[in-house]
């Protein structure tokens, strides 16, 4: 007869390697495959020694770390659920509904960009663009003719102002500009009276021999001011240097212009006692603090700084240099974000010097 099969449950390590379930006289045992048994651990008993369920015991157990853990019967789970307290609706989390037609709250919007100086007195390029480069577009195009001229009141013409300024004033008359920026001009009323322009132009006499004039029939003065931005170096000291500005509205189109006039510090290209970057920063800050959104910015004058100097390079980061003179190496400039009328920057814009060292520069912009 065939030999009796070996007793797998009694073979050393057999249950661990094979994960077998074997029946013995004392009941069924389960070994977990590949899980080493702790010393002295006992197999999990599923049924009683006679193959019957022990009284008062649940019908099944599971292995958990070598210890027997009872599993609740369905009846016990139902009874436990009935005995549990009912959930509080106020504390319940809402369940999102799919395809809901209820309106959802809009996403929070980014904070509005401030058009005022930051706490440290600075402004960002984004703030500059939003405030100083936001000239209104559209509508009937408006051509704006702007003139800048350093009259060199004393050094060029001496004490006999009325007679000696005739040629220089003749250039102002010939330009027939809408807006005029004069440097080294001690009395703009004399210029206008001598040129018989006093009934045609309104004017503002500023500090440090700066002056602005505008055609009063076409333009209305909204606001004006001035601010010191530099001091001459000691070697060529003549005094402090300022910017002068005016906000003007065209009476027909209602378009506004922020018109700034500047006479720069000496030595040429030094930027004055505090250097070119500091002087340019003060000019730009004066614009930012006084311009209004929608204004077209025009900055012009005798800067005492040539192309490539630190002052001019810093200004060019924020405004387009549309034209420069050639006298004295090119120290007279015009800046604006506006387009030149006709779009041709190669058109000569110098009216000459009229016997002075500086040129009269005229530019026509389109707003």
Foldseek 3Di string as FASTA:
>chain_A
DDDDDDDQVPDPCSCQDPQDWDADQQAIFTDDHPDDDDPPQDTDHQDGRNRHHDPPADNGWDDDNSDTDGDDDPVVVVVVVVPDDDDDVVPDDDDDDPPDPDDDDDDDDDDDDDLDADPVRHDDLVSCCQWAVQADDDDDKDKFKEKEAEQLQDPQQNDPRLVSCVLVLVLVVVSPGQKYKYAQAQDVCSSCVSNVNNVQWDKDQDPNRIIMIGGVVFKDWDDWDKDFQAFAAPVDGDGTWMKIWTWIAGPPPRQIAIEIETAAYDDQLQSHPVGQVSSLRSVSSVCSNPTGRNHWYKYWYQHSYAPPRSNVVNNCVNWPWLDFDPFPNTRTTMTTPFAFVVNDSPPDFWPQRSRHRDTMGMTMGID
